[in-house]
Amino acid sequence: MFLKEKDSDDLLEVLTLKDLFDPFCKELIGRYQHGEEPQDPASFKKEALVFPSGEPLPKCWTDAHYRDDELQRPA
């Protein structure tokens, strides 16, 4: 899967999809897509990544507490 960095617009290939989908994991391993040769893997913070279209990542991938409001029961 490919994502891009918000600040630089650089495209990167995600190498650890499990980490991408895990809301408790704040970083993932990927590599930049520059030139013809594969770049060295590096760690990227999920908060700094978006889809190539510019859309943010789903909240269920980045926030472990995204459904906490639904779990609150009336007293």
PDB file of N, CA and C in Angstrom:
ATOM      1  N   MET A   1       0.851  -1.164   0.000  1.00  0.00           N
ATOM      2  CA  MET A   1       0.000   0.000   0.000  1.00  0.00           C
ATOM      3  C   MET A   1       0.901   1.232   0.000  1.00  0.00           C
ATOM      4  N   PHE A   2       0.467   2.256  -0.691  1.00  0.00           N
ATOM      5  CA  PHE A   2       1.228   3.493  -0.768  1.00  0.00           C
ATOM      6  C   PHE A   2       0.513   4.598  -0.010  1.00  0.00           C
ATOM      7  N   LEU A   3       1.274   5.389   0.724  1.00  0.00           N
ATOM      8  CA  LEU A   3       0.789   6.576   1.413  1.00  0.00           C
ATOM      9  C   LEU A   3       1.751   7.705   1.096  1.00  0.00           C
ATOM     10  N   LYS A   4       1.421   8.911   1.536  1.00  0.00           N
ATOM     11  CA  LYS A   4       2.371  10.008   1.355  1.00  0.00           C
ATOM     12  C   LYS A   4       2.470  10.804   2.644  1.00  0.00           C
ATOM     13  N   GLU A   5       3.618  11.459   2.797  1.00  0.00           N
ATOM     14  CA  GLU A   5       3.835  12.324   3.944  1.00  0.00           C
ATOM     15  C   GLU A   5       3.082  13.637   3.724  1.00  0.00           C
ATOM     16  N   LYS A   6       2.429  14.109   4.780  1.00  0.00           N
ATOM     17  CA  LYS A   6       1.669  15.359   4.672  1.00  0.00           C
ATOM     18  C   LYS A   6       2.554  16.538   4.293  1.00  0.00           C
ATOM     19  N   ASP A   7       3.670  16.682   4.987  1.00  0.00           N
ATOM     20  CA  ASP A   7       4.504  17.879   4.821  1.00  0.00           C
ATOM     21  C   ASP A   7       5.271  17.913   3.508  1.00  0.00           C
ATOM     22  N   SER A   8       5.825  16.771   3.108  1.00  0.00           N
ATOM     23  CA  SER A   8       6.698  16.765   1.936  1.00  0.00           C
ATOM     24  C   SER A   8       6.023  16.272   0.654  1.00  0.00           C
ATOM     25  N   ASP A   9       4.855  15.637   0.789  1.00  0.00           N
ATOM     26  CA  ASP A   9       4.162  15.008  -0.348  1.00  0.00           C
ATOM     27  C   ASP A   9       4.964  13.867  -0.964  1.00  0.00           C
ATOM     28  N   ASP A  10       5.965  13.346  -0.250  1.00  0.00           N
ATOM     29  CA  ASP A  10       6.748  12.216  -0.744  1.00  0.00           C
ATOM     30  C   ASP A  10       5.939  10.933  -0.609  1.00  0.00           C
ATOM     31  N   LEU A  11       5.946  10.123  -1.644  1.00  0.00           N
ATOM     32  CA  LEU A  11       5.242   8.848  -1.663  1.00  0.00           C
ATOM     33  C   LEU A  11       6.086   7.786  -0.972  1.00  0.00           C
ATOM     34  N   LEU A  12       5.422   6.929  -0.184  1.00  0.00           N
ATOM     35  CA  LEU A  12       6.144   5.840   0.453  1.00  0.00           C
ATOM     36  C   LEU A  12       5.325   4.568   0.403  1.00  0.00           C
ATOM     37  N   GLU A  13       6.037   3.462   0.373  1.00  0.00           N
ATOM     38  CA  GLU A  13       5.420   2.139   0.377  1.00  0.00           C
ATOM     39  C   GLU A  13       5.410   1.633   1.820  1.00  0.00           C
ATOM     40  N   VAL A  14       4.237   1.232   2.299  1.00  0.00           N
ATOM     41  CA  VAL A  14       4.113   0.691   3.651  1.00  0.00           C
ATOM     42  C   VAL A  14       4.537  -0.773   3.616  1.00  0.00           C
ATOM     43  N   LEU A  15       5.486  -1.135   4.480  1.00  0.00           N
ATOM     44  CA  LEU A  15       5.991  -2.504   4.525  1.00  0.00           C
ATOM     45  C   LEU A  15       5.364  -3.319   5.649  1.00  0.00           C
ATOM     46  N   THR A  16       4.786  -2.648   6.643  1.00  0.00           N
ATOM     47  CA  THR A  16       4.176  -3.343   7.781  1.00  0.00           C
ATOM     48  C   THR A  16       2.700  -2.971   7.858  1.00  0.00           C
ATOM     49  N   LEU A  17       1.894  -3.626   7.042  1.00  0.00           N
ATOM     50  CA  LEU A  17       0.460  -3.320   7.017  1.00  0.00           C
ATOM     51  C   LEU A  17      -0.197  -3.575   8.364  1.00  0.00           C
ATOM     52  N   LYS A  18       0.276  -4.584   9.089  1.00  0.00           N
ATOM     53  CA  LYS A  18      -0.284  -4.880  10.399  1.00  0.00           C
ATOM     54  C   LYS A  18      -0.168  -3.656  11.309  1.00  0.00           C
ATOM     55  N   ASP A  19       0.973  -2.980  11.273  1.00  0.00           N
ATOM     56  CA  ASP A  19       1.169  -1.778  12.083  1.00  0.00           C
ATOM     57  C   ASP A  19       0.292  -0.627  11.606  1.00  0.00           C
ATOM     58  N   LEU A  20       0.045  -0.556  10.323  1.00  0.00           N
ATOM     59  CA  LEU A  20      -0.813   0.497   9.779  1.00  0.00           C
ATOM     60  C   LEU A  20      -2.236   0.360  10.307  1.00  0.00           C
ATOM     61  N   PHE A  21      -2.749  -0.849  10.355  1.00  0.00           N
ATOM     62  CA  PHE A  21      -4.132  -1.069  10.770  1.00  0.00           C
ATOM     63  C   PHE A  21      -4.304  -1.101  12.282  1.00  0.00           C
ATOM     64  N   ASP A  22      -3.222  -1.230  13.038  1.00  0.00           N
ATOM     65  CA  ASP A  22      -3.281  -1.331  14.498  1.00  0.00           C
ATOM     66  C   ASP A  22      -3.342   0.065  15.120  1.00  0.00           C
ATOM     67  N   PRO A  23      -4.457   0.422  15.776  1.00  0.00           N
ATOM     68  CA  PRO A  23      -4.570   1.768  16.345  1.00  0.00           C
ATOM     69  C   PRO A  23      -3.644   2.006  17.533  1.00  0.00           C
ATOM     70  N   PHE A  24      -3.090   0.952  18.129  1.00  0.00           N
ATOM     71  CA  PHE A  24      -2.166   1.108  19.247  1.00  0.00           C
ATOM     72  C   PHE A  24      -0.731   1.355  18.779  1.00  0.00           C
ATOM     73  N   CYS A  25      -0.473   1.131  17.527  1.00  0.00           N
ATOM     74  CA  CYS A  25       0.854   1.318  16.955  1.00  0.00           C
ATOM     75  C   CYS A  25       0.921   2.720  16.346  1.00  0.00           C
ATOM     76  N   LYS A  26       1.844   3.541  16.814  1.00  0.00           N
ATOM     77  CA  LYS A  26       1.948   4.939  16.370  1.00  0.00           C
ATOM     78  C   LYS A  26       2.917   5.120  15.204  1.00  0.00           C
ATOM     79  N   GLU A  27       3.712   4.089  14.911  1.00  0.00           N
ATOM     80  CA  GLU A  27       4.672   4.162  13.816  1.00  0.00           C
ATOM     81  C   GLU A  27       4.579   2.906  12.959  1.00  0.00           C
ATOM     82  N   LEU A  28       5.079   3.007  11.747  1.00  0.00           N
ATOM     83  CA  LEU A  28       5.132   1.857  10.851  1.00  0.00           C
ATOM     84  C   LEU A  28       6.430   1.900  10.065  1.00  0.00           C
ATOM     85  N   ILE A  29       6.736   0.796   9.421  1.00  0.00           N
ATOM     86  CA  ILE A  29       7.950   0.707   8.606  1.00  0.00           C
ATOM     87  C   ILE A  29       7.555   0.847   7.135  1.00  0.00           C
ATOM     88  N   GLY A  30       8.286   1.678   6.443  1.00  0.00           N
ATOM     89  CA  GLY A  30       8.030   1.893   5.023  1.00  0.00           C
ATOM     90  C   GLY A  30       9.301   2.328   4.336  1.00  0.00           C
ATOM     91  N   ARG A  31       9.184   2.605   3.050  1.00  0.00           N
ATOM     92  CA  ARG A  31      10.335   3.133   2.318  1.00  0.00           C
ATOM     93  C   ARG A  31       9.849   4.103   1.250  1.00  0.00           C
ATOM     94  N   TYR A  32      10.648   5.148   1.067  1.00  0.00           N
ATOM     95  CA  TYR A  32      10.336   6.159   0.064  1.00  0.00           C
ATOM     96  C   TYR A  32      10.377   5.554  -1.331  1.00  0.00           C
ATOM     97  N   GLN A  33       9.601   6.117  -2.210  1.00  0.00           N
ATOM     98  CA  GLN A  33       9.591   5.713  -3.616  1.00  0.00           C
ATOM     99  C   GLN A  33      10.302   6.781  -4.441  1.00  0.00           C
ATOM    100  N   HIS A  34      11.631   6.728  -4.434  1.00  0.00           N
ATOM    101  CA  HIS A  34      12.457   7.666  -5.198  1.00  0.00           C
ATOM    102  C   HIS A  34      13.317   6.873  -6.165  1.00  0.00           C
ATOM    103  N   GLY A  35      13.252   7.196  -7.420  1.00  0.00           N
ATOM    104  CA  GLY A  35      14.114   6.541  -8.400  1.00  0.00           C
ATOM    105  C   GLY A  35      13.700   5.104  -8.670  1.00  0.00           C
ATOM    106  N   GLU A  36      14.582   4.385  -9.333  1.00  0.00           N
ATOM    107  CA  GLU A  36      14.288   3.006  -9.724  1.00  0.00           C
ATOM    108  C   GLU A  36      14.681   1.987  -8.667  1.00  0.00           C
ATOM    109  N   GLU A  37      15.668   2.307  -7.837  1.00  0.00           N
ATOM    110  CA  GLU A  37      16.140   1.379  -6.815  1.00  0.00           C
ATOM    111  C   GLU A  37      15.289   1.518  -5.552  1.00  0.00           C
ATOM    112  N   PRO A  38      14.961   0.388  -4.913  1.00  0.00           N
ATOM    113  CA  PRO A  38      14.234   0.479  -3.637  1.00  0.00           C
ATOM    114  C   PRO A  38      15.083   1.190  -2.575  1.00  0.00           C
ATOM    115  N   GLN A  39      14.452   2.066  -1.832  1.00  0.00           N
ATOM    116  CA  GLN A  39      15.144   2.793  -0.767  1.00  0.00           C
ATOM    117  C   GLN A  39      15.208   1.925   0.490  1.00  0.00           C
ATOM    118  N   ASP A  40      16.052   2.318   1.430  1.00  0.00           N
ATOM    119  CA  ASP A  40      16.167   1.588   2.688  1.00  0.00           C
ATOM    120  C   ASP A  40      14.909   1.798   3.527  1.00  0.00           C
ATOM    121  N   PRO A  41      14.447   0.763   4.223  1.00  0.00           N
ATOM    122  CA  PRO A  41      13.288   0.907   5.102  1.00  0.00           C
ATOM    123  C   PRO A  41      13.572   1.915   6.220  1.00  0.00           C
ATOM    124  N   ALA A  42      12.532   2.610   6.632  1.00  0.00           N
ATOM    125  CA  ALA A  42      12.632   3.597   7.709  1.00  0.00           C
ATOM    126  C   ALA A  42      11.331   3.580   8.501  1.00  0.00           C
ATOM    127  N   SER A  43      11.368   4.194   9.667  1.00  0.00           N
ATOM    128  CA  SER A  43      10.192   4.289  10.520  1.00  0.00           C
ATOM    129  C   SER A  43       9.473   5.614  10.253  1.00  0.00           C
ATOM    130  N   PHE A  44       8.138   5.560  10.167  1.00  0.00           N
ATOM    131  CA  PHE A  44       7.328   6.748   9.906  1.00  0.00           C
ATOM    132  C   PHE A  44       6.211   6.832  10.933  1.00  0.00           C
ATOM    133  N   LYS A  45       5.934   8.024  11.414  1.00  0.00           N
ATOM    134  CA  LYS A  45       4.820   8.234  12.344  1.00  0.00           C
ATOM    135  C   LYS A  45       3.524   8.273  11.540  1.00  0.00           C
ATOM    136  N   LYS A  46       2.529   7.524  12.012  1.00  0.00           N
ATOM    137  CA  LYS A  46       1.260   7.463  11.284  1.00  0.00           C
ATOM    138  C   LYS A  46       0.564   8.812  11.232  1.00  0.00           C
ATOM    139  N   GLU A  47       0.749   9.637  12.257  1.00  0.00           N
ATOM    140  CA  GLU A  47       0.097  10.942  12.274  1.00  0.00           C
ATOM    141  C   GLU A  47       0.577  11.857  11.151  1.00  0.00           C
ATOM    142  N   ALA A  48       1.733  11.561  10.561  1.00  0.00           N
ATOM    143  CA  ALA A  48       2.297  12.389   9.496  1.00  0.00           C
ATOM    144  C   ALA A  48       1.960  11.860   8.111  1.00  0.00           C
ATOM    145  N   LEU A  49       1.097  10.824   8.024  1.00  0.00           N
ATOM    146  CA  LEU A  49       0.803  10.197   6.742  1.00  0.00           C
ATOM    147  C   LEU A  49      -0.654  10.388   6.328  1.00  0.00           C
ATOM    148  N   VAL A  50      -0.876  10.432   5.037  1.00  0.00           N
ATOM    149  CA  VAL A  50      -2.212  10.501   4.443  1.00  0.00           C
ATOM    150  C   VAL A  50      -2.235   9.605   3.209  1.00  0.00           C
ATOM    151  N   PHE A  51      -3.425   9.375   2.674  1.00  0.00           N
ATOM    152  CA  PHE A  51      -3.536   8.653   1.412  1.00  0.00           C
ATOM    153  C   PHE A  51      -2.993   9.529   0.288  1.00  0.00           C
ATOM    154  N   PRO A  52      -2.587   8.940  -0.827  1.00  0.00           N
ATOM    155  CA  PRO A  52      -2.065   9.745  -1.942  1.00  0.00           C
ATOM    156  C   PRO A  52      -3.045  10.823  -2.421  1.00  0.00           C
ATOM    157  N   SER A  53      -4.338  10.617  -2.206  1.00  0.00           N
ATOM    158  CA  SER A  53      -5.335  11.611  -2.604  1.00  0.00           C
ATOM    159  C   SER A  53      -5.390  12.795  -1.645  1.00  0.00           C
ATOM    160  N   GLY A  54      -4.710  12.677  -0.490  1.00  0.00           N
ATOM    161  CA  GLY A  54      -4.731  13.738   0.508  1.00  0.00           C
ATOM    162  C   GLY A  54      -5.709  13.478   1.650  1.00  0.00           C
ATOM    163  N   GLU A  55      -6.508  12.418   1.525  1.00  0.00           N
ATOM    164  CA  GLU A  55      -7.461  12.083   2.588  1.00  0.00           C
ATOM    165  C   GLU A  55      -6.712  11.555   3.806  1.00  0.00           C
ATOM    166  N   PRO A  56      -7.212  11.882   5.004  1.00  0.00           N
ATOM    167  CA  PRO A  56      -6.553  11.368   6.217  1.00  0.00           C
ATOM    168  C   PRO A  56      -6.793   9.867   6.377  1.00  0.00           C
ATOM    169  N   LEU A  57      -5.957   9.242   7.190  1.00  0.00           N
ATOM    170  CA  LEU A  57      -6.147   7.820   7.493  1.00  0.00           C
ATOM    171  C   LEU A  57      -7.408   7.656   8.340  1.00  0.00           C
ATOM    172  N   PRO A  58      -8.090   6.526   8.238  1.00  0.00           N
ATOM    173  CA  PRO A  58      -9.281   6.296   9.056  1.00  0.00           C
ATOM    174  C   PRO A  58      -8.957   6.372  10.540  1.00  0.00           C
ATOM    175  N   LYS A  59      -9.882   6.918  11.304  1.00  0.00           N
ATOM    176  CA  LYS A  59      -9.681   7.076  12.741  1.00  0.00           C
ATOM    177  C   LYS A  59      -9.448   5.735  13.441  1.00  0.00           C
ATOM    178  N   CYS A  60     -10.063   4.668  12.927  1.00  0.00           N
ATOM    179  CA  CYS A  60      -9.896   3.351  13.548  1.00  0.00           C
ATOM    180  C   CYS A  60      -8.482   2.811  13.356  1.00  0.00           C
ATOM    181  N   TRP A  61      -7.667   3.402  12.498  1.00  0.00           N
ATOM    182  CA  TRP A  61      -6.273   3.005  12.309  1.00  0.00           C
ATOM    183  C   TRP A  61      -5.335   3.813  13.190  1.00  0.00           C
ATOM    184  N   THR A  62      -5.801   4.974  13.680  1.00  0.00           N
ATOM    185  CA  THR A  62      -4.898   5.886  14.387  1.00  0.00           C
ATOM    186  C   THR A  62      -5.283   6.158  15.831  1.00  0.00           C
ATOM    187  N   ASP A  63      -6.527   5.915  16.206  1.00  0.00           N
ATOM    188  CA  ASP A  63      -7.000   6.253  17.549  1.00  0.00           C
ATOM    189  C   ASP A  63      -7.631   5.024  18.202  1.00  0.00           C
ATOM    190  N   ALA A  64      -6.947   4.476  19.194  1.00  0.00           N
ATOM    191  CA  ALA A  64      -7.439   3.272  19.871  1.00  0.00           C
ATOM    192  C   ALA A  64      -8.740   3.527  20.628  1.00  0.00           C
ATOM    193  N   HIS A  65      -9.057   4.768  20.886  1.00  0.00           N
ATOM    194  CA  HIS A  65     -10.256   5.115  21.665  1.00  0.00           C
ATOM    195  C   HIS A  65     -11.338   5.760  20.794  1.00  0.00           C
ATOM    196  N   TYR A  66     -11.338   5.471  19.522  1.00  0.00           N
ATOM    197  CA  TYR A  66     -12.265   6.141  18.605  1.00  0.00           C
ATOM    198  C   TYR A  66     -13.726   5.814  18.870  1.00  0.00           C
ATOM    199  N   ARG A  67     -14.021   4.764  19.618  1.00  0.00           N
ATOM    200  CA  ARG A  67     -15.413   4.408  19.905  1.00  0.00           C
ATOM    201  C   ARG A  67     -15.767   4.551  21.382  1.00  0.00           C
ATOM    202  N   ASP A  68     -14.933   5.186  22.156  1.00  0.00           N
ATOM    203  CA  ASP A  68     -15.186   5.311  23.589  1.00  0.00           C
ATOM    204  C   ASP A  68     -16.513   5.996  23.899  1.00  0.00           C
ATOM    205  N   ASP A  69     -16.902   6.981  23.104  1.00  0.00           N
ATOM    206  CA  ASP A  69     -18.173   7.674  23.337  1.00  0.00           C
ATOM    207  C   ASP A  69     -19.369   6.723  23.238  1.00  0.00           C
ATOM    208  N   GLU A  70     -19.265   5.740  22.368  1.00  0.00           N
ATOM    209  CA  GLU A  70     -20.355   4.767  22.209  1.00  0.00           C
ATOM    210  C   GLU A  70     -20.453   3.806  23.380  1.00  0.00           C
ATOM    211  N   LEU A  71     -19.374   3.625  24.118  1.00  0.00           N
ATOM    212  CA  LEU A  71     -19.347   2.669  25.214  1.00  0.00           C
ATOM    213  C   LEU A  71     -19.848   3.238  26.521  1.00  0.00           C
ATOM    214  N   GLN A  72     -19.964   4.559  26.615  1.00  0.00           N
ATOM    215  CA  GLN A  72     -20.435   5.165  27.845  1.00  0.00           C
ATOM    216  C   GLN A  72     -21.912   4.856  28.039  1.00  0.00           C
ATOM    217  N   ARG A  73     -22.226   4.374  29.236  1.00  0.00           N
ATOM    218  CA  ARG A  73     -23.621   4.018  29.537  1.00  0.00           C
ATOM    219  C   ARG A  73     -24.213   5.063  30.450  1.00  0.00           C
ATOM    220  N   PRO A  74     -25.502   5.313  30.317  1.00  0.00           N
ATOM    221  CA  PRO A  74     -26.130   6.297  31.197  1.00  0.00           C
ATOM    222  C   PRO A  74     -26.078   5.837  32.654  1.00  0.00           C
ATOM    223  N   ALA A  75     -25.890   6.780  33.542  1.00  0.00           N
ATOM    224  CA  ALA A  75     -25.784   6.455  34.966  1.00  0.00           C
ATOM    225  C   ALA A  75     -27.139   6.262  35.615  1.00  0.00           C
TER     226      ALA A  75
END
